[in-house]
PDB file of N, CA and C in Angstrom:
ATOM      1  N   MET A   1       0.681  -1.192  -0.131  1.00  0.00           N
ATOM      2  CA  MET A   1       0.060   0.061  -0.080  1.00  0.00           C
ATOM      3  C   MET A   1       0.994   1.156  -0.003  1.00  0.00           C
ATOM      4  N   ARG A   2       0.516   2.420  -0.876  1.00  0.00           N
ATOM      5  CA  ARG A   2       1.111   3.424  -0.999  1.00  0.00           C
ATOM      6  C   ARG A   2       0.454   4.659  -0.161  1.00  0.00           C
ATOM      7  N   LEU A   3       1.113   5.063   0.945  1.00  0.00           N
ATOM      8  CA  LEU A   3       0.707   6.012   1.791  1.00  0.00           C
ATOM      9  C   LEU A   3      -0.286   6.694   1.495  1.00  0.00           C
ATOM     10  N   GLU A   4       0.377   7.396   0.220  1.00  0.00           N
ATOM     11  CA  GLU A   4      -0.455   8.553  -0.458  1.00  0.00           C
ATOM     12  C   GLU A   4      -1.751   8.039  -0.834  1.00  0.00           C
ATOM     13  N   ASP A   5      -1.975   6.833  -1.191  1.00  0.00           N
ATOM     14  CA  ASP A   5      -3.344   6.108  -1.614  1.00  0.00           C
ATOM     15  C   ASP A   5      -4.364   5.910  -0.385  1.00  0.00           C
ATOM     16  N   SER A   6      -3.822   6.303   0.960  1.00  0.00           N
ATOM     17  CA  SER A   6      -4.736   5.713   2.053  1.00  0.00           C
ATOM     18  C   SER A   6      -5.713   6.583   2.489  1.00  0.00           C
ATOM     19  N   PRO A   7      -6.973   6.612   3.041  1.00  0.00           N
ATOM     20  CA  PRO A   7      -8.060   7.339   3.138  1.00  0.00           C
ATOM     21  C   PRO A   7      -7.344   8.509   4.337  1.00  0.00           C
ATOM     22  N   ASP A   8      -7.914   9.616   4.302  1.00  0.00           N
ATOM     23  CA  ASP A   8      -7.382  10.695   5.133  1.00  0.00           C
ATOM     24  C   ASP A   8      -7.633  10.421   6.590  1.00  0.00           C
ATOM     25  N   VAL A   9      -8.704   9.657   7.155  1.00  0.00           N
ATOM     26  CA  VAL A   9      -8.953   9.449   8.447  1.00  0.00           C
ATOM     27  C   VAL A   9      -9.462   7.934   8.333  1.00  0.00           C
ATOM     28  N   VAL A  10      -8.967   6.974   9.376  1.00  0.00           N
ATOM     29  CA  VAL A  10      -9.446   5.647   9.458  1.00  0.00           C
ATOM     30  C   VAL A  10      -9.845   5.650  11.246  1.00  0.00           C
ATOM     31  N   VAL A  11     -10.763   4.921  11.108  1.00  0.00           N
ATOM     32  CA  VAL A  11     -11.246   4.541  12.556  1.00  0.00           C
ATOM     33  C   VAL A  11     -11.205   3.375  12.672  1.00  0.00           C
ATOM     34  N   GLU A  12     -10.516   2.386  13.731  1.00  0.00           N
ATOM     35  CA  GLU A  12     -10.344   0.815  13.258  1.00  0.00           C
ATOM     36  C   GLU A  12     -11.460   0.492  14.791  1.00  0.00           C
ATOM     37  N   SER A  13     -12.153  -0.462  14.597  1.00  0.00           N
ATOM     38  CA  SER A  13     -13.060  -0.882  15.427  1.00  0.00           C
ATOM     39  C   SER A  13     -13.014  -2.433  15.615  1.00  0.00           C
ATOM     40  N   ARG A  14     -13.091  -3.058  16.939  1.00  0.00           N
ATOM     41  CA  ARG A  14     -12.989  -4.179  17.145  1.00  0.00           C
ATOM     42  C   ARG A  14     -13.844  -4.608  18.204  1.00  0.00           C
ATOM     43  N   GLY A  15     -14.870  -5.241  17.848  1.00  0.00           N
ATOM     44  CA  GLY A  15     -15.980  -5.789  18.898  1.00  0.00           C
ATOM     45  C   GLY A  15     -16.684  -4.613  19.478  1.00  0.00           C
ATOM     46  N   GLY A  16     -16.806  -3.796  18.561  1.00  0.00           N
ATOM     47  CA  GLY A  16     -17.925  -2.454  18.769  1.00  0.00           C
ATOM     48  C   GLY A  16     -16.708  -1.492  19.773  1.00  0.00           C
ATOM     49  N   VAL A  17     -15.618  -1.629  19.587  1.00  0.00           N
ATOM     50  CA  VAL A  17     -14.778  -0.729  20.592  1.00  0.00           C
ATOM     51  C   VAL A  17     -13.934   0.090  19.618  1.00  0.00           C
ATOM     52  N   ILE A  18     -13.892   1.389  19.849  1.00  0.00           N
ATOM     53  CA  ILE A  18     -12.886   1.967  19.065  1.00  0.00           C
ATOM     54  C   ILE A  18     -11.284   1.697  19.385  1.00  0.00           C
ATOM     55  N   VAL A  19     -10.648   1.463  18.850  1.00  0.00           N
ATOM     56  CA  VAL A  19      -8.870   1.076  19.286  1.00  0.00           C
ATOM     57  C   VAL A  19      -8.109   1.770  18.893  1.00  0.00           C
ATOM     58  N   ALA A  20      -8.497   2.566  17.668  1.00  0.00           N
ATOM     59  CA  ALA A  20      -7.726   3.461  17.082  1.00  0.00           C
ATOM     60  C   ALA A  20      -8.159   4.309  16.212  1.00  0.00           C
ATOM     61  N   ILE A  21      -7.898   5.637  15.942  1.00  0.00           N
ATOM     62  CA  ILE A  21      -8.196   6.429  15.116  1.00  0.00           C
ATOM     63  C   ILE A  21      -6.602   7.009  14.226  1.00  0.00           C
ATOM     64  N   TYR A  22      -6.514   6.644  12.761  1.00  0.00           N
ATOM     65  CA  TYR A  22      -5.528   6.873  12.233  1.00  0.00           C
ATOM     66  C   TYR A  22      -5.754   8.114  11.297  1.00  0.00           C
ATOM     67  N   THR A  23      -4.893   9.210  11.284  1.00  0.00           N
ATOM     68  CA  THR A  23      -5.246  10.366  10.571  1.00  0.00           C
ATOM     69  C   THR A  23      -3.860  10.854   9.623  1.00  0.00           C
ATOM     70  N   ARG A  24      -3.915  11.515   8.703  1.00  0.00           N
ATOM     71  CA  ARG A  24      -2.876  12.414   8.092  1.00  0.00           C
ATOM     72  C   ARG A  24      -2.356  13.308   8.744  1.00  0.00           C
ATOM     73  N   ASN A  25      -3.323  14.292   9.171  1.00  0.00           N
ATOM     74  CA  ASN A  25      -3.695  15.655   9.509  1.00  0.00           C
ATOM     75  C   ASN A  25      -3.384  15.545  11.469  1.00  0.00           C
ATOM     76  N   SER A  26      -2.342  15.783  11.991  1.00  0.00           N
ATOM     77  CA  SER A  26      -2.051  15.813  13.254  1.00  0.00           C
ATOM     78  C   SER A  26      -2.747  16.737  14.296  1.00  0.00           C
ATOM     79  N   ASN A  27      -3.228  17.780  13.669  1.00  0.00           N
ATOM     80  CA  ASN A  27      -3.732  18.769  14.489  1.00  0.00           C
ATOM     81  C   ASN A  27      -5.177  18.514  14.077  1.00  0.00           C
ATOM     82  N   ALA A  28      -5.831  17.485  13.569  1.00  0.00           N
ATOM     83  CA  ALA A  28      -7.126  16.890  14.101  1.00  0.00           C
ATOM     84  C   ALA A  28      -7.423  16.755  15.543  1.00  0.00           C
ATOM     85  N   ARG A  29      -8.985  17.133  15.487  1.00  0.00           N
ATOM     86  CA  ARG A  29      -9.119  17.190  17.008  1.00  0.00           C
ATOM     87  C   ARG A  29     -10.517  15.767  17.095  1.00  0.00           C
ATOM     88  N   VAL A  30     -10.311  14.768  17.484  1.00  0.00           N
ATOM     89  CA  VAL A  30     -11.562  13.916  17.302  1.00  0.00           C
ATOM     90  C   VAL A  30     -12.346  13.610  18.487  1.00  0.00           C
ATOM     91  N   VAL A  31     -13.753  13.932  18.571  1.00  0.00           N
ATOM     92  CA  VAL A  31     -14.371  13.368  19.894  1.00  0.00           C
ATOM     93  C   VAL A  31     -15.210  12.262  19.289  1.00  0.00           C
ATOM     94  N   VAL A  32     -15.146  11.360  20.374  1.00  0.00           N
ATOM     95  CA  VAL A  32     -15.868  10.426  20.402  1.00  0.00           C
ATOM     96  C   VAL A  32     -17.256  10.373  21.044  1.00  0.00           C
ATOM     97  N   VAL A  33     -18.590  10.123  20.675  1.00  0.00           N
ATOM     98  CA  VAL A  33     -19.764  10.330  21.498  1.00  0.00           C
ATOM     99  C   VAL A  33     -20.472   9.155  21.514  1.00  0.00           C
ATOM    100  N   ASP A  34     -20.161   8.303  22.657  1.00  0.00           N
ATOM    101  CA  ASP A  34     -20.929   7.105  22.838  1.00  0.00           C
ATOM    102  C   ASP A  34     -22.161   7.139  23.629  1.00  0.00           C
ATOM    103  N   TRP A  35     -23.215   7.187  23.109  1.00  0.00           N
ATOM    104  CA  TRP A  35     -24.472   7.320  23.348  1.00  0.00           C
ATOM    105  C   TRP A  35     -24.594   6.080  24.912  1.00  0.00           C
ATOM    106  N   ASP A  36     -24.316   5.127  24.663  1.00  0.00           N
ATOM    107  CA  ASP A  36     -24.448   4.087  25.615  1.00  0.00           C
ATOM    108  C   ASP A  36     -23.603   4.201  26.813  1.00  0.00           C
ATOM    109  N   ASP A  37     -22.423   4.757  26.773  1.00  0.00           N
ATOM    110  CA  ASP A  37     -21.654   5.490  27.706  1.00  0.00           C
ATOM    111  C   ASP A  37     -22.231   6.785  28.668  1.00  0.00           C
ATOM    112  N   ILE A  38     -22.820   7.541  27.698  1.00  0.00           N
ATOM    113  CA  ILE A  38     -23.649   8.830  28.309  1.00  0.00           C
ATOM    114  C   ILE A  38     -24.806   8.120  29.026  1.00  0.00           C
ATOM    115  N   SER A  39     -25.558   7.283  28.869  1.00  0.00           N
ATOM    116  CA  SER A  39     -26.865   6.785  29.454  1.00  0.00           C
ATOM    117  C   SER A  39     -26.124   6.198  30.564  1.00  0.00           C
ATOM    118  N   ALA A  40     -25.186   5.152  30.598  1.00  0.00           N
ATOM    119  CA  ALA A  40     -24.921   4.321  31.659  1.00  0.00           C
ATOM    120  C   ALA A  40     -24.082   4.906  32.687  1.00  0.00           C
ATOM    121  N   SER A  41     -23.509   5.806  32.322  1.00  0.00           N
ATOM    122  CA  SER A  41     -22.521   6.888  33.618  1.00  0.00           C
ATOM    123  C   SER A  41     -22.284   8.273  33.217  1.00  0.00           C
ATOM    124  N   CYS A  42     -23.240   8.830  32.287  1.00  0.00           N
ATOM    125  CA  CYS A  42     -22.673  10.425  32.668  1.00  0.00           C
ATOM    126  C   CYS A  42     -21.731  10.604  31.939  1.00  0.00           C
ATOM    127  N   GLN A  43     -20.771   9.979  31.058  1.00  0.00           N
ATOM    128  CA  GLN A  43     -19.674  10.145  30.373  1.00  0.00           C
ATOM    129  C   GLN A  43     -19.822  10.832  29.228  1.00  0.00           C
ATOM    130  N   TYR A  44     -19.513  11.925  29.134  1.00  0.00           N
ATOM    131  CA  TYR A  44     -19.774  12.522  27.675  1.00  0.00           C
ATOM    132  C   TYR A  44     -18.541  12.634  26.787  1.00  0.00           C
ATOM    133  N   GLY A  45     -18.770  13.243  25.732  1.00  0.00           N
ATOM    134  CA  GLY A  45     -17.739  12.743  24.658  1.00  0.00           C
ATOM    135  C   GLY A  45     -16.161  12.908  24.973  1.00  0.00           C
ATOM    136  N   VAL A  46     -15.546  12.127  24.570  1.00  0.00           N
ATOM    137  CA  VAL A  46     -14.087  11.803  24.826  1.00  0.00           C
ATOM    138  C   VAL A  46     -13.292  12.352  23.816  1.00  0.00           C
ATOM    139  N   ILE A  47     -12.271  13.051  24.180  1.00  0.00           N
ATOM    140  CA  ILE A  47     -11.198  13.501  22.910  1.00  0.00           C
ATOM    141  C   ILE A  47     -10.465  12.416  22.874  1.00  0.00           C
ATOM    142  N   PHE A  48     -10.428  11.876  21.515  1.00  0.00           N
ATOM    143  CA  PHE A  48      -9.642  10.238  21.226  1.00  0.00           C
ATOM    144  C   PHE A  48      -8.323  10.634  20.913  1.00  0.00           C
ATOM    145  N   PRO A  49      -7.070   9.789  21.313  1.00  0.00           N
ATOM    146  CA  PRO A  49      -5.846  10.384  20.871  1.00  0.00           C
ATOM    147  C   PRO A  49      -5.586   9.718  19.355  1.00  0.00           C
ATOM    148  N   LEU A  50      -4.834  10.648  18.541  1.00  0.00           N
ATOM    149  CA  LEU A  50      -4.968   9.922  16.826  1.00  0.00           C
ATOM    150  C   LEU A  50      -3.401   9.193  16.880  1.00  0.00           C
ATOM    151  N   ASP A  51      -3.401   8.482  15.973  1.00  0.00           N
ATOM    152  CA  ASP A  51      -2.119   8.144  15.341  1.00  0.00           C
ATOM    153  C   ASP A  51      -1.870   8.274  14.128  1.00  0.00           C
ATOM    154  N   ASP A  52      -0.594   8.476  13.680  1.00  0.00           N
ATOM    155  CA  ASP A  52      -0.483   8.835  12.446  1.00  0.00           C
ATOM    156  C   ASP A  52      -0.648   7.673  11.561  1.00  0.00           C
ATOM    157  N   ILE A  53      -1.018   7.983  10.279  1.00  0.00           N
ATOM    158  CA  ILE A  53      -1.499   7.161   9.377  1.00  0.00           C
ATOM    159  C   ILE A  53      -0.413   5.885   9.164  1.00  0.00           C
ATOM    160  N   SER A  54       0.686   6.725   8.951  1.00  0.00           N
ATOM    161  CA  SER A  54       1.804   5.839   8.523  1.00  0.00           C
ATOM    162  C   SER A  54       2.049   4.683   9.829  1.00  0.00           C
ATOM    163  N   GLY A  55       1.644   4.745  10.786  1.00  0.00           N
ATOM    164  CA  GLY A  55       1.794   3.546  12.018  1.00  0.00           C
ATOM    165  C   GLY A  55       0.294   2.408  11.918  1.00  0.00           C
ATOM    166  N   MET A  56      -0.535   3.007  11.126  1.00  0.00           N
ATOM    167  CA  MET A  56      -1.388   1.795  10.993  1.00  0.00           C
ATOM    168  C   MET A  56      -0.900   0.529  10.671  1.00  0.00           C
ATOM    169  N   PRO A  57      -1.497  -0.243  11.378  1.00  0.00           N
ATOM    170  CA  PRO A  57      -1.228  -2.000  11.098  1.00  0.00           C
ATOM    171  C   PRO A  57      -1.534  -2.467   9.560  1.00  0.00           C
ATOM    172  N   ILE A  58      -0.639  -3.186   8.707  1.00  0.00           N
ATOM    173  CA  ILE A  58      -1.032  -3.626   7.447  1.00  0.00           C
ATOM    174  C   ILE A  58      -2.380  -4.329   7.336  1.00  0.00           C
ATOM    175  N   ASP A  59      -3.187  -4.947   8.417  1.00  0.00           N
ATOM    176  CA  ASP A  59      -4.234  -5.727   7.962  1.00  0.00           C
ATOM    177  C   ASP A  59      -5.112  -4.351   7.953  1.00  0.00           C
ATOM    178  N   THR A  60      -5.251  -3.538   8.968  1.00  0.00           N
ATOM    179  CA  THR A  60      -6.204  -2.456   9.064  1.00  0.00           C
ATOM    180  C   THR A  60      -6.021  -1.527   7.363  1.00  0.00           C
ATOM    181  N   ALA A  61      -4.574  -1.111   7.222  1.00  0.00           N
ATOM    182  CA  ALA A  61      -4.468  -0.527   6.057  1.00  0.00           C
ATOM    183  C   ALA A  61      -5.015  -1.187   4.852  1.00  0.00           C
ATOM    184  N   THR A  62      -4.941  -2.683   4.709  1.00  0.00           N
ATOM    185  CA  THR A  62      -5.417  -3.424   3.772  1.00  0.00           C
ATOM    186  C   THR A  62      -6.876  -3.114   3.405  1.00  0.00           C
ATOM    187  N   VAL A  63      -7.689  -3.269   4.438  1.00  0.00           N
ATOM    188  CA  VAL A  63      -9.106  -3.257   4.449  1.00  0.00           C
ATOM    189  C   VAL A  63      -9.414  -1.673   4.338  1.00  0.00           C
ATOM    190  N   ALA A  64      -8.692  -0.858   4.737  1.00  0.00           N
ATOM    191  CA  ALA A  64      -9.320   0.622   4.537  1.00  0.00           C
ATOM    192  C   ALA A  64      -9.295   0.932   3.037  1.00  0.00           C
ATOM    193  N   ASN A  65      -8.045   0.407   2.367  1.00  0.00           N
ATOM    194  CA  ASN A  65      -7.757   0.767   0.963  1.00  0.00           C
ATOM    195  C   ASN A  65      -8.502   0.191   0.153  1.00  0.00           C
ATOM    196  N   ALA A  66      -9.357  -0.837   0.453  1.00  0.00           N
ATOM    197  CA  ALA A  66     -10.147  -1.788   0.064  1.00  0.00           C
ATOM    198  C   ALA A  66     -11.420  -1.134  -0.148  1.00  0.00           C
ATOM    199  N   ALA A  67     -11.832  -0.329   0.749  1.00  0.00           N
ATOM    200  CA  ALA A  67     -13.159   0.292   1.185  1.00  0.00           C
ATOM    201  C   ALA A  67     -13.389   1.568  -0.147  1.00  0.00           C
ATOM    202  N   ARG A  68     -12.565   1.745  -1.166  1.00  0.00           N
ATOM    203  CA  ARG A  68     -12.698   2.918  -2.062  1.00  0.00           C
ATOM    204  C   ARG A  68     -13.896   2.511  -2.857  1.00  0.00           C
TER     205      ARG A  68
END
């Protein structure tokens, strides 16, 4: 996979849980709003840490590129 061909943002989820968000833009701010958490614990939107898209695992990158 060529990095320039990858999407600008990739959200990786496993078992319904966000495990990583990869982005080209290091200045992006991502807030995750999980209504289940809000209902259960009054925890509101959480700022999610971002990983550089170049660090995306190969299996995730392969699937993300196939989504085009």
